Amino acid sequence: MNKPARIIVGMDAHAPSSASAMLGARLASRLDAALELYAPVYNSQVSLAHFEARDHLQHARDLLVRHAIERLEKLAATLPPGTTAECHAAWDHPAEEALTRHVLERGADMLLVALPEEETRGRRHWSAGLWQLVRHCPVPVLLTRGRQWADAPVVVAAVDPLRHHARHGDLERRILAEAGALAAGVGGVLHAWHAWQPGLRIAVGGLDQPLERGAVVEGDEARHREAVLRALQGAGVTPARVAVTEGRPEQALPEYCQETGADLVVMGAIARNPFGRIFLGSTAERVLDRLPCDLLVVKPEAFRTPVSRERWPREEGGPLLGVPGI
């Protein structure tokens, strides 16, 4: 992986996050990348239903966009000395599609977004908008809880190299390459992590039940470890630590991150269903609500976003088409 050349920090137009801006500034400085703060702007009241003249409507929208840019510029002025941050805003909706559109327009290599405050306090389910952003943004998406990273951040690459039926073949390599480049760029420490479970299992109603009973097959752990080592060799990455754990990933990964003081987990979005929608996988979705740290989600190399490049509204008063899966 090449280091990102442009990092966009997605912002709430009304309450831009200083924590995500600070993290973006740190990453941009360490990775020698351009930094941009961007806020999509929208208000359902600013429409032809409330403005008789189109020029008055456009003036109101332009005014709201200008105010958003002013808030971003005020925030950018508080970033560490020497930080250069471009500030942009545009009238667009919904926010998750608007952010993806702007990533495409600007040719960004990473999108950084703060989790809403209420979603950082416990194991609450993420909003539909966040899921859509993670699923449909074509570049790596870094979701931050706003906690400051350590001076030498611990970056955990969560891999599952034996489940090729659910993954594009290049995804494990991309997870490891992204995690390795990021850890090296910020002066951090890379861990490779994998969890495995013996036998066939099924999760129903939150309970994990075995479909077959019996002792662990001899050599199972060694087989999983060998698969992880092959993936590391294929990616050309040498982590400081390789952890192969027996257990449920949704329990074992958050525990591992807590024990090691991890700052970031790098994980992949893994498959498409027949309708063209990309998933993180049910196990991964259960993991995300429990992670105590930030998360970076990467896609397979062949992924193409279904989000239109055309900003909303496409036609005044026309329907919002959205993207598959919403």
C-alpha atoms as a PDB file:
ATOM      1  CA  MET A   1       0.000   0.000   0.000  1.00  0.00           C
ATOM      2  CA  ASN A   2       1.120   3.534  -0.685  1.00  0.00           C
ATOM      3  CA  LYS A   3       0.728   6.045   2.101  1.00  0.00           C
ATOM      4  CA  PRO A   4      -2.431   8.131   1.711  1.00  0.00           C
ATOM      5  CA  ALA A   5      -1.859  11.338  -0.231  1.00  0.00           C
ATOM      6  CA  ARG A   6      -5.113  12.971   0.913  1.00  0.00           C
ATOM      7  CA  ILE A   7      -7.047  12.406   4.133  1.00  0.00           C
ATOM      8  CA  ILE A   8     -10.568  13.795   4.424  1.00  0.00           C
ATOM      9  CA  VAL A   9     -12.103  14.285   7.856  1.00  0.00           C
ATOM     10  CA  GLY A  10     -15.879  14.138   7.575  1.00  0.00           C
ATOM     11  CA  MET A  11     -17.541  16.689   9.853  1.00  0.00           C
ATOM     12  CA  ASP A  12     -20.944  17.527  11.279  1.00  0.00           C
ATOM     13  CA  ALA A  13     -21.724  20.947   9.790  1.00  0.00           C
ATOM     14  CA  HIS A  14     -23.209  22.188  13.080  1.00  0.00           C
ATOM     15  CA  ALA A  15     -20.813  20.605  15.594  1.00  0.00           C
ATOM     16  CA  PRO A  16     -17.477  19.691  13.982  1.00  0.00           C
ATOM     17  CA  SER A  17     -15.397  17.249  16.028  1.00  0.00           C
ATOM     18  CA  SER A  18     -12.127  18.665  17.344  1.00  0.00           C
ATOM     19  CA  ALA A  19     -10.926  15.165  18.328  1.00  0.00           C
ATOM     20  CA  SER A  20     -11.268  13.790  14.798  1.00  0.00           C
ATOM     21  CA  ALA A  21      -9.630  16.924  13.370  1.00  0.00           C
ATOM     22  CA  MET A  22      -6.678  16.449  15.742  1.00  0.00           C
ATOM     23  CA  LEU A  23      -6.327  12.789  14.751  1.00  0.00           C
ATOM     24  CA  GLY A  24      -6.529  13.754  11.086  1.00  0.00           C
ATOM     25  CA  ALA A  25      -3.818  16.372  11.613  1.00  0.00           C
ATOM     26  CA  ARG A  26      -1.580  13.833  13.338  1.00  0.00           C
ATOM     27  CA  LEU A  27      -2.030  11.249  10.584  1.00  0.00           C
ATOM     28  CA  ALA A  28      -1.523  13.811   7.819  1.00  0.00           C
ATOM     29  CA  SER A  29       1.675  15.060   9.464  1.00  0.00           C
ATOM     30  CA  ARG A  30       3.139  11.599  10.050  1.00  0.00           C
ATOM     31  CA  LEU A  31       2.093  10.218   6.661  1.00  0.00           C
ATOM     32  CA  ASP A  32       2.965  13.405   4.720  1.00  0.00           C
ATOM     33  CA  ALA A  33      -0.605  13.642   3.400  1.00  0.00           C
ATOM     34  CA  ALA A  34      -2.837  16.589   2.527  1.00  0.00           C
ATOM     35  CA  LEU A  35      -5.551  17.203   5.129  1.00  0.00           C
ATOM     36  CA  GLU A  36      -9.079  18.355   4.390  1.00  0.00           C
ATOM     37  CA  LEU A  37     -12.038  19.048   6.675  1.00  0.00           C
ATOM     38  CA  TYR A  38     -15.340  18.557   4.879  1.00  0.00           C
ATOM     39  CA  ALA A  39     -18.952  19.001   5.997  1.00  0.00           C
ATOM     40  CA  PRO A  40     -22.059  18.090   3.992  1.00  0.00           C
ATOM     41  CA  VAL A  41     -24.791  20.668   4.600  1.00  0.00           C
ATOM     42  CA  TYR A  42     -28.540  20.077   4.465  1.00  0.00           C
ATOM     43  CA  ASN A  43     -31.745  21.444   5.980  1.00  0.00           C
ATOM     44  CA  SER A  44     -35.105  20.075   4.868  1.00  0.00           C
ATOM     45  CA  GLN A  45     -36.746  23.443   5.568  1.00  0.00           C
ATOM     46  CA  VAL A  46     -34.612  25.167   2.952  1.00  0.00           C
ATOM     47  CA  SER A  47     -36.630  24.038  -0.060  1.00  0.00           C
ATOM     48  CA  LEU A  48     -39.047  25.369  -2.646  1.00  0.00           C
ATOM     49  CA  ALA A  49     -41.848  24.575  -0.217  1.00  0.00           C
ATOM     50  CA  HIS A  50     -40.637  27.524   1.896  1.00  0.00           C
ATOM     51  CA  PHE A  51     -38.976  29.772  -0.725  1.00  0.00           C
ATOM     52  CA  GLU A  52     -41.001  31.068  -3.646  1.00  0.00           C
ATOM     53  CA  ALA A  53     -38.026  32.228  -5.713  1.00  0.00           C
ATOM     54  CA  ARG A  54     -35.195  29.881  -6.696  1.00  0.00           C
ATOM     55  CA  ASP A  55     -32.587  32.615  -6.317  1.00  0.00           C
ATOM     56  CA  HIS A  56     -33.715  33.186  -2.716  1.00  0.00           C
ATOM     57  CA  LEU A  57     -33.535  29.449  -2.101  1.00  0.00           C
ATOM     58  CA  GLN A  58     -30.035  29.236  -3.514  1.00  0.00           C
ATOM     59  CA  HIS A  59     -28.954  32.254  -1.460  1.00  0.00           C
ATOM     60  CA  ALA A  60     -30.176  30.561   1.740  1.00  0.00           C
ATOM     61  CA  ARG A  61     -28.341  27.347   0.907  1.00  0.00           C
ATOM     62  CA  ASP A  62     -25.159  29.224   0.020  1.00  0.00           C
ATOM     63  CA  LEU A  63     -25.375  31.082   3.331  1.00  0.00           C
ATOM     64  CA  LEU A  64     -25.624  27.821   5.313  1.00  0.00           C
ATOM     65  CA  VAL A  65     -22.677  26.359   3.399  1.00  0.00           C
ATOM     66  CA  ARG A  66     -20.604  29.488   4.053  1.00  0.00           C
ATOM     67  CA  HIS A  67     -21.386  29.320   7.784  1.00  0.00           C
ATOM     68  CA  ALA A  68     -20.289  25.672   7.836  1.00  0.00           C
ATOM     69  CA  ILE A  69     -16.987  26.549   6.169  1.00  0.00           C
ATOM     70  CA  GLU A  70     -16.437  29.322   8.719  1.00  0.00           C
ATOM     71  CA  ARG A  71     -16.922  26.820  11.562  1.00  0.00           C
ATOM     72  CA  LEU A  72     -14.433  24.455   9.937  1.00  0.00           C
ATOM     73  CA  GLU A  73     -11.898  27.255   9.456  1.00  0.00           C
ATOM     74  CA  LYS A  74     -12.274  28.228  13.109  1.00  0.00           C
ATOM     75  CA  LEU A  75     -11.578  24.623  14.109  1.00  0.00           C
ATOM     76  CA  ALA A  76      -8.628  24.349  11.705  1.00  0.00           C
ATOM     77  CA  ALA A  77      -7.042  27.367  13.403  1.00  0.00           C
ATOM     78  CA  THR A  78      -6.813  25.353  16.644  1.00  0.00           C
ATOM     79  CA  LEU A  79      -4.800  22.518  15.097  1.00  0.00           C
ATOM     80  CA  PRO A  80      -1.076  22.169  15.939  1.00  0.00           C
ATOM     81  CA  PRO A  81       1.242  24.829  14.502  1.00  0.00           C
ATOM     82  CA  GLY A  82       2.344  24.043  10.983  1.00  0.00           C
ATOM     83  CA  THR A  83      -0.829  22.127  10.141  1.00  0.00           C
ATOM     84  CA  THR A  84      -2.429  23.065   6.844  1.00  0.00           C
ATOM     85  CA  ALA A  85      -6.047  22.001   6.486  1.00  0.00           C
ATOM     86  CA  GLU A  86      -8.302  22.810   3.558  1.00  0.00           C
ATOM     87  CA  CYS A  87     -11.902  23.474   4.598  1.00  0.00           C
ATOM     88  CA  HIS A  88     -14.823  22.648   2.328  1.00  0.00           C
ATOM     89  CA  ALA A  89     -18.585  22.248   2.605  1.00  0.00           C
ATOM     90  CA  ALA A  90     -21.337  21.584   0.079  1.00  0.00           C
ATOM     91  CA  TRP A  91     -25.106  21.267   0.000  1.00  0.00           C
ATOM     92  CA  ASP A  92     -25.674  17.516  -0.242  1.00  0.00           C
ATOM     93  CA  HIS A  93     -27.756  14.774   1.349  1.00  0.00           C
ATOM     94  CA  PRO A  94     -27.809  12.182   2.889  1.00  0.00           C
ATOM     95  CA  ALA A  95     -24.551  12.707   4.761  1.00  0.00           C
ATOM     96  CA  GLU A  96     -23.124   9.222   4.208  1.00  0.00           C
ATOM     97  CA  GLU A  97     -23.582   9.499   0.440  1.00  0.00           C
ATOM     98  CA  ALA A  98     -22.318  13.084   0.439  1.00  0.00           C
ATOM     99  CA  LEU A  99     -19.091  12.021   2.164  1.00  0.00           C
ATOM    100  CA  THR A 100     -18.560   9.209  -0.332  1.00  0.00           C
ATOM    101  CA  ARG A 101     -19.183  11.590  -3.232  1.00  0.00           C
ATOM    102  CA  HIS A 102     -16.638  14.052  -1.885  1.00  0.00           C
ATOM    103  CA  VAL A 103     -14.061  11.293  -1.455  1.00  0.00           C
ATOM    104  CA  LEU A 104     -14.541  10.418  -5.123  1.00  0.00           C
ATOM    105  CA  GLU A 105     -14.403  14.050  -6.262  1.00  0.00           C
ATOM    106  CA  ARG A 106     -11.212  14.791  -4.358  1.00  0.00           C
ATOM    107  CA  GLY A 107      -9.448  11.507  -5.041  1.00  0.00           C
ATOM    108  CA  ALA A 108      -8.947  10.942  -1.312  1.00  0.00           C
ATOM    109  CA  ASP A 109      -7.173   7.878   0.047  1.00  0.00           C
ATOM    110  CA  MET A 110      -8.764   7.768   3.509  1.00  0.00           C
ATOM    111  CA  LEU A 111     -11.930   9.052   5.156  1.00  0.00           C
ATOM    112  CA  LEU A 112     -11.911   9.752   8.899  1.00  0.00           C
ATOM    113  CA  VAL A 113     -15.218  10.136  10.744  1.00  0.00           C
ATOM    114  CA  ALA A 114     -16.002  10.585  14.437  1.00  0.00           C
ATOM    115  CA  LEU A 115     -18.538   8.253  15.993  1.00  0.00           C
ATOM    116  CA  PRO A 116     -21.431  10.196  17.516  1.00  0.00           C
ATOM    117  CA  GLU A 117     -20.909  10.776  21.216  1.00  0.00           C
ATOM    118  CA  GLU A 118     -23.797   8.580  22.286  1.00  0.00           C
ATOM    119  CA  GLU A 119     -22.262   5.683  20.343  1.00  0.00           C
ATOM    120  CA  THR A 120     -18.948   5.925  22.207  1.00  0.00           C
ATOM    121  CA  ARG A 121     -20.369   5.418  25.697  1.00  0.00           C
ATOM    122  CA  GLY A 122     -21.276   1.762  25.516  1.00  0.00           C
ATOM    123  CA  ARG A 123     -22.294  -1.116  23.305  1.00  0.00           C
ATOM    124  CA  ARG A 124     -24.961   0.685  21.352  1.00  0.00           C
ATOM    125  CA  HIS A 125     -25.874  -0.222  17.819  1.00  0.00           C
ATOM    126  CA  TRP A 126     -24.541   2.091  15.159  1.00  0.00           C
ATOM    127  CA  SER A 127     -26.868   4.238  13.102  1.00  0.00           C
ATOM    128  CA  ALA A 128     -27.989   3.089   9.665  1.00  0.00           C
ATOM    129  CA  GLY A 129     -26.083   6.014   8.137  1.00  0.00           C
ATOM    130  CA  LEU A 130     -22.782   4.869   9.615  1.00  0.00           C
ATOM    131  CA  TRP A 131     -23.299   1.338   8.337  1.00  0.00           C
ATOM    132  CA  GLN A 132     -24.051   2.669   4.862  1.00  0.00           C
ATOM    133  CA  LEU A 133     -20.929   4.828   4.925  1.00  0.00           C
ATOM    134  CA  VAL A 134     -18.743   1.890   5.928  1.00  0.00           C
ATOM    135  CA  ARG A 135     -20.322  -0.350   3.309  1.00  0.00           C
ATOM    136  CA  HIS A 136     -20.255   2.040   0.382  1.00  0.00           C
ATOM    137  CA  CYS A 137     -17.197   4.284   0.732  1.00  0.00           C
ATOM    138  CA  PRO A 138     -14.540   2.916  -1.661  1.00  0.00           C
ATOM    139  CA  VAL A 139     -11.511   4.048   0.377  1.00  0.00           C
ATOM    140  CA  PRO A 140     -10.514   2.951   3.899  1.00  0.00           C
ATOM    141  CA  VAL A 141     -12.839   4.462   6.509  1.00  0.00           C
ATOM    142  CA  LEU A 142     -11.399   5.274   9.930  1.00  0.00           C
ATOM    143  CA  LEU A 143     -14.073   5.549  12.636  1.00  0.00           C
ATOM    144  CA  THR A 144     -12.755   7.223  15.766  1.00  0.00           C
ATOM    145  CA  ARG A 145     -14.163   7.304  19.272  1.00  0.00           C
ATOM    146  CA  GLY A 146     -12.206  10.489  19.947  1.00  0.00           C
ATOM    147  CA  ARG A 147      -9.623   8.993  22.309  1.00  0.00           C
ATOM    148  CA  GLN A 148      -6.048  10.170  21.892  1.00  0.00           C
ATOM    149  CA  TRP A 149      -3.675   7.567  20.486  1.00  0.00           C
ATOM    150  CA  ALA A 150      -0.491   6.599  22.321  1.00  0.00           C
ATOM    151  CA  ASP A 151       2.833   8.033  21.173  1.00  0.00           C
ATOM    152  CA  ALA A 152       3.583   4.610  19.662  1.00  0.00           C
ATOM    153  CA  PRO A 153       0.090   3.402  18.722  1.00  0.00           C
ATOM    154  CA  VAL A 154      -0.767  -0.298  18.754  1.00  0.00           C
ATOM    155  CA  VAL A 155      -2.364  -1.217  15.411  1.00  0.00           C
ATOM    156  CA  VAL A 156      -4.121  -4.608  15.282  1.00  0.00           C
ATOM    157  CA  ALA A 157      -4.714  -6.234  11.892  1.00  0.00           C
ATOM    158  CA  ALA A 158      -7.663  -8.623  12.342  1.00  0.00           C
ATOM    159  CA  VAL A 159      -7.396 -11.346   9.692  1.00  0.00           C
ATOM    160  CA  ASP A 160      -9.239 -14.549   8.847  1.00  0.00           C
ATOM    161  CA  PRO A 161      -7.216 -16.187   6.061  1.00  0.00           C
ATOM    162  CA  LEU A 162      -9.022 -19.540   6.013  1.00  0.00           C
ATOM    163  CA  ARG A 163     -12.484 -18.192   5.149  1.00  0.00           C
ATOM    164  CA  HIS A 164     -11.911 -17.687   1.437  1.00  0.00           C
ATOM    165  CA  HIS A 165     -15.539 -18.556   0.646  1.00  0.00           C
ATOM    166  CA  ALA A 166     -16.602 -15.259   2.221  1.00  0.00           C
ATOM    167  CA  ARG A 167     -13.757 -13.039   1.074  1.00  0.00           C
ATOM    168  CA  HIS A 168     -12.145 -11.652  -2.003  1.00  0.00           C
ATOM    169  CA  GLY A 169      -8.738 -13.259  -2.292  1.00  0.00           C
ATOM    170  CA  ASP A 170      -6.807 -10.005  -1.935  1.00  0.00           C
ATOM    171  CA  LEU A 171      -8.522  -8.740   1.191  1.00  0.00           C
ATOM    172  CA  GLU A 172      -6.231 -10.300   3.811  1.00  0.00           C
ATOM    173  CA  ARG A 173      -3.251  -8.847   1.986  1.00  0.00           C
ATOM    174  CA  ARG A 174      -4.893  -5.412   1.911  1.00  0.00           C
ATOM    175  CA  ILE A 175      -5.756  -5.533   5.622  1.00  0.00           C
ATOM    176  CA  LEU A 176      -2.174  -6.403   6.512  1.00  0.00           C
ATOM    177  CA  ALA A 177      -0.648  -3.936   4.059  1.00  0.00           C
ATOM    178  CA  GLU A 178      -2.868  -1.051   5.253  1.00  0.00           C
ATOM    179  CA  ALA A 179      -2.202  -1.850   8.900  1.00  0.00           C
ATOM    180  CA  GLY A 180       1.540  -2.276   8.344  1.00  0.00           C
ATOM    181  CA  ALA A 181       1.944   0.963   6.389  1.00  0.00           C
ATOM    182  CA  LEU A 182      -0.122   2.921   8.897  1.00  0.00           C
ATOM    183  CA  ALA A 183       1.747   1.518  11.902  1.00  0.00           C
ATOM    184  CA  ALA A 184       5.102   2.255  10.293  1.00  0.00           C
ATOM    185  CA  GLY A 185       4.041   5.739   9.218  1.00  0.00           C
ATOM    186  CA  VAL A 186       2.876   6.853  12.660  1.00  0.00           C
ATOM    187  CA  GLY A 187       5.728   5.172  14.547  1.00  0.00           C
ATOM    188  CA  GLY A 188       3.435   2.503  15.952  1.00  0.00           C
ATOM    189  CA  VAL A 189       3.513  -1.216  16.687  1.00  0.00           C
ATOM    190  CA  LEU A 190       1.771  -3.751  14.439  1.00  0.00           C
ATOM    191  CA  HIS A 191      -0.006  -6.838  15.767  1.00  0.00           C
ATOM    192  CA  ALA A 192      -1.568  -9.530  13.564  1.00  0.00           C
ATOM    193  CA  TRP A 193      -4.579 -11.154  15.240  1.00  0.00           C
ATOM    194  CA  HIS A 194      -6.780 -14.131  14.362  1.00  0.00           C
ATOM    195  CA  ALA A 195      -9.405 -16.085  16.268  1.00  0.00           C
ATOM    196  CA  TRP A 196     -10.496 -19.616  15.475  1.00  0.00           C
ATOM    197  CA  GLN A 197     -13.143 -21.993  16.774  1.00  0.00           C
ATOM    198  CA  PRO A 198     -13.035 -25.798  16.611  1.00  0.00           C
ATOM    199  CA  GLY A 199     -15.792 -27.580  14.701  1.00  0.00           C
ATOM    200  CA  LEU A 200     -18.875 -26.168  13.018  1.00  0.00           C
ATOM    201  CA  ARG A 201     -20.873 -23.657  15.030  1.00  0.00           C
ATOM    202  CA  ILE A 202     -24.000 -21.545  14.674  1.00  0.00           C
ATOM    203  CA  ALA A 203     -25.017 -18.330  16.438  1.00  0.00           C
ATOM    204  CA  VAL A 204     -28.745 -18.129  17.259  1.00  0.00           C
ATOM    205  CA  GLY A 205     -30.294 -15.513  19.522  1.00  0.00           C
ATOM    206  CA  GLY A 206     -26.883 -14.379  20.713  1.00  0.00           C
ATOM    207  CA  LEU A 207     -25.916 -17.927  21.794  1.00  0.00           C
ATOM    208  CA  ASP A 208     -23.001 -19.681  20.121  1.00  0.00           C
ATOM    209  CA  GLN A 209     -23.794 -23.391  19.757  1.00  0.00           C
ATOM    210  CA  PRO A 210     -21.668 -26.204  18.281  1.00  0.00           C
ATOM    211  CA  LEU A 211     -23.210 -28.182  15.415  1.00  0.00           C
ATOM    212  CA  GLU A 212     -20.881 -31.064  16.138  1.00  0.00           C
ATOM    213  CA  ARG A 213     -19.495 -32.248  19.430  1.00  0.00           C
ATOM    214  CA  GLY A 214     -16.119 -33.754  20.186  1.00  0.00           C
ATOM    215  CA  ALA A 215     -12.552 -32.923  21.042  1.00  0.00           C
ATOM    216  CA  VAL A 216     -10.541 -30.295  19.215  1.00  0.00           C
ATOM    217  CA  VAL A 217      -8.955 -31.819  16.138  1.00  0.00           C
ATOM    218  CA  GLU A 218      -5.242 -32.231  16.726  1.00  0.00           C
ATOM    219  CA  GLY A 219      -3.289 -29.598  14.838  1.00  0.00           C
ATOM    220  CA  ASP A 220      -6.200 -27.183  14.378  1.00  0.00           C
ATOM    221  CA  GLU A 221      -4.404 -24.300  16.060  1.00  0.00           C
ATOM    222  CA  ALA A 222      -1.215 -24.991  14.127  1.00  0.00           C
ATOM    223  CA  ARG A 223      -3.185 -24.975  10.857  1.00  0.00           C
ATOM    224  CA  HIS A 224      -4.668 -21.559  11.660  1.00  0.00           C
ATOM    225  CA  ARG A 225      -1.310 -20.153  12.722  1.00  0.00           C
ATOM    226  CA  GLU A 226       0.324 -21.404   9.530  1.00  0.00           C
ATOM    227  CA  ALA A 227      -2.425 -19.731   7.480  1.00  0.00           C
ATOM    228  CA  VAL A 228      -1.804 -16.415   9.262  1.00  0.00           C
ATOM    229  CA  LEU A 229       1.956 -16.712   8.692  1.00  0.00           C
ATOM    230  CA  ARG A 230       1.378 -17.408   4.984  1.00  0.00           C
ATOM    231  CA  ALA A 231      -0.840 -14.339   4.763  1.00  0.00           C
ATOM    232  CA  LEU A 232       1.860 -12.240   6.422  1.00  0.00           C
ATOM    233  CA  GLN A 233       4.470 -13.553   4.022  1.00  0.00           C
ATOM    234  CA  GLY A 234       2.225 -12.820   1.046  1.00  0.00           C
ATOM    235  CA  ALA A 235       1.677  -9.253   2.251  1.00  0.00           C
ATOM    236  CA  GLY A 236       5.361  -8.696   3.004  1.00  0.00           C
ATOM    237  CA  VAL A 237       4.541  -7.622   6.559  1.00  0.00           C
ATOM    238  CA  THR A 238       6.416  -8.488   9.758  1.00  0.00           C
ATOM    239  CA  PRO A 239       4.368  -7.644  12.863  1.00  0.00           C
ATOM    240  CA  ALA A 240       5.831  -7.273  16.317  1.00  0.00           C
ATOM    241  CA  ARG A 241       3.336  -9.845  17.572  1.00  0.00           C
ATOM    242  CA  VAL A 242       1.220 -12.606  16.027  1.00  0.00           C
ATOM    243  CA  ALA A 243      -1.734 -13.657  18.171  1.00  0.00           C
ATOM    244  CA  VAL A 244      -3.806 -16.738  17.298  1.00  0.00           C
ATOM    245  CA  THR A 245      -6.619 -17.159  19.803  1.00  0.00           C
ATOM    246  CA  GLU A 246      -9.235 -19.868  20.281  1.00  0.00           C
ATOM    247  CA  GLY A 247     -12.620 -18.285  20.852  1.00  0.00           C
ATOM    248  CA  ARG A 248     -15.431 -16.210  19.435  1.00  0.00           C
ATOM    249  CA  PRO A 249     -14.056 -13.177  17.577  1.00  0.00           C
ATOM    250  CA  GLU A 250     -16.756 -10.845  18.908  1.00  0.00           C
ATOM    251  CA  GLN A 251     -15.537 -11.600  22.436  1.00  0.00           C
ATOM    252  CA  ALA A 252     -11.851 -12.315  21.878  1.00  0.00           C
ATOM    253  CA  LEU A 253     -10.961  -9.260  19.746  1.00  0.00           C
ATOM    254  CA  PRO A 254     -12.299  -6.586  22.138  1.00  0.00           C
ATOM    255  CA  GLU A 255     -10.615  -8.417  25.025  1.00  0.00           C
ATOM    256  CA  TYR A 256      -7.321  -8.530  23.132  1.00  0.00           C
ATOM    257  CA  CYS A 257      -7.545  -4.826  22.330  1.00  0.00           C
ATOM    258  CA  GLN A 258      -8.263  -4.038  25.978  1.00  0.00           C
ATOM    259  CA  GLU A 259      -5.332  -6.148  27.193  1.00  0.00           C
ATOM    260  CA  THR A 260      -2.818  -4.708  24.710  1.00  0.00           C
ATOM    261  CA  GLY A 261      -4.034  -1.106  24.868  1.00  0.00           C
ATOM    262  CA  ALA A 262      -4.755  -1.138  21.142  1.00  0.00           C
ATOM    263  CA  ASP A 263      -5.416   2.206  19.496  1.00  0.00           C
ATOM    264  CA  LEU A 264      -6.721   0.927  16.163  1.00  0.00           C
ATOM    265  CA  VAL A 265      -8.128  -2.266  14.646  1.00  0.00           C
ATOM    266  CA  VAL A 266      -7.911  -2.780  10.886  1.00  0.00           C
ATOM    267  CA  MET A 267     -10.653  -5.029   9.528  1.00  0.00           C
ATOM    268  CA  GLY A 268     -12.092  -5.875   6.122  1.00  0.00           C
ATOM    269  CA  ALA A 269     -15.530  -5.640   4.568  1.00  0.00           C
ATOM    270  CA  ILE A 270     -15.807  -9.140   3.273  1.00  0.00           C
ATOM    271  CA  ALA A 271     -18.485 -10.108   0.775  1.00  0.00           C
ATOM    272  CA  ARG A 272     -21.333  -9.231  -1.529  1.00  0.00           C
ATOM    273  CA  ASN A 273     -24.751 -10.811  -1.568  1.00  0.00           C
ATOM    274  CA  PRO A 274     -26.686 -11.479  -4.812  1.00  0.00           C
ATOM    275  CA  PHE A 275     -28.151  -7.953  -4.693  1.00  0.00           C
ATOM    276  CA  GLY A 276     -24.712  -6.305  -4.848  1.00  0.00           C
ATOM    277  CA  ARG A 277     -24.601  -5.094  -1.263  1.00  0.00           C
ATOM    278  CA  ILE A 278     -21.298  -5.320   0.578  1.00  0.00           C
ATOM    279  CA  PHE A 279     -21.316  -6.728   4.093  1.00  0.00           C
ATOM    280  CA  LEU A 280     -18.929  -6.718   6.998  1.00  0.00           C
ATOM    281  CA  GLY A 281     -20.185 -10.136   8.036  1.00  0.00           C
ATOM    282  CA  SER A 282     -22.377 -10.943  11.022  1.00  0.00           C
ATOM    283  CA  THR A 283     -19.378 -11.741  13.238  1.00  0.00           C
ATOM    284  CA  ALA A 284     -17.676  -8.471  12.365  1.00  0.00           C
ATOM    285  CA  GLU A 285     -20.834  -6.485  13.000  1.00  0.00           C
ATOM    286  CA  ARG A 286     -21.052  -8.012  16.481  1.00  0.00           C
ATOM    287  CA  VAL A 287     -17.389  -7.110  17.075  1.00  0.00           C
ATOM    288  CA  LEU A 288     -17.736  -3.457  16.157  1.00  0.00           C
ATOM    289  CA  ASP A 289     -20.136  -2.513  18.937  1.00  0.00           C
ATOM    290  CA  ARG A 290     -17.711  -3.883  21.533  1.00  0.00           C
ATOM    291  CA  LEU A 291     -14.370  -2.510  20.382  1.00  0.00           C
ATOM    292  CA  PRO A 292     -12.743  -0.140  22.912  1.00  0.00           C
ATOM    293  CA  CYS A 293     -10.623   1.526  20.233  1.00  0.00           C
ATOM    294  CA  ASP A 294     -10.810   3.090  16.778  1.00  0.00           C
ATOM    295  CA  LEU A 295     -11.529   1.050  13.664  1.00  0.00           C
ATOM    296  CA  LEU A 296     -10.265   1.186  10.072  1.00  0.00           C
ATOM    297  CA  VAL A 297     -12.348  -0.726   7.503  1.00  0.00           C
ATOM    298  CA  VAL A 298     -10.861  -1.625   4.114  1.00  0.00           C
ATOM    299  CA  LYS A 299     -12.500  -3.073   0.994  1.00  0.00           C
ATOM    300  CA  PRO A 300     -11.380  -5.587  -1.624  1.00  0.00           C
ATOM    301  CA  GLU A 301      -9.442  -4.066  -4.488  1.00  0.00           C
ATOM    302  CA  ALA A 302     -12.251  -4.756  -6.967  1.00  0.00           C
ATOM    303  CA  PHE A 303     -14.890  -2.915  -4.931  1.00  0.00           C
ATOM    304  CA  ARG A 304     -16.846  -0.212  -6.750  1.00  0.00           C
ATOM    305  CA  THR A 305     -19.213   2.054  -4.841  1.00  0.00           C
ATOM    306  CA  PRO A 306     -22.895   2.173  -5.854  1.00  0.00           C
ATOM    307  CA  VAL A 307     -23.136   5.819  -4.727  1.00  0.00           C
ATOM    308  CA  SER A 308     -23.875   8.262  -7.536  1.00  0.00           C
ATOM    309  CA  ARG A 309     -21.334  11.018  -8.143  1.00  0.00           C
ATOM    310  CA  GLU A 310     -24.171  13.482  -8.728  1.00  0.00           C
ATOM    311  CA  ARG A 311     -25.063  15.633  -5.737  1.00  0.00           C
ATOM    312  CA  TRP A 312     -28.547  15.763  -4.272  1.00  0.00           C
ATOM    313  CA  PRO A 313     -31.036  17.119  -5.205  1.00  0.00           C
ATOM    314  CA  ARG A 314     -30.625  15.767  -8.718  1.00  0.00           C
ATOM    315  CA  GLU A 315     -33.848  17.477  -9.716  1.00  0.00           C
ATOM    316  CA  GLU A 316     -35.638  19.901  -7.434  1.00  0.00           C
ATOM    317  CA  GLY A 317     -38.528  18.067  -5.820  1.00  0.00           C
ATOM    318  CA  GLY A 318     -37.477  14.714  -7.300  1.00  0.00           C
ATOM    319  CA  PRO A 319     -37.190  11.541  -5.230  1.00  0.00           C
ATOM    320  CA  LEU A 320     -34.064  10.606  -3.305  1.00  0.00           C
ATOM    321  CA  LEU A 321     -32.855   7.452  -4.985  1.00  0.00           C
ATOM    322  CA  GLY A 322     -30.242   6.364  -2.472  1.00  0.00           C
ATOM    323  CA  VAL A 323     -28.106   3.271  -2.895  1.00  0.00           C
ATOM    324  CA  PRO A 324     -28.714  -0.478  -2.639  1.00  0.00           C
ATOM    325  CA  GLY A 325     -29.275  -1.734   0.866  1.00  0.00           C
ATOM    326  CA  ILE A 326     -30.765   1.394   2.403  1.00  0.00           C
END
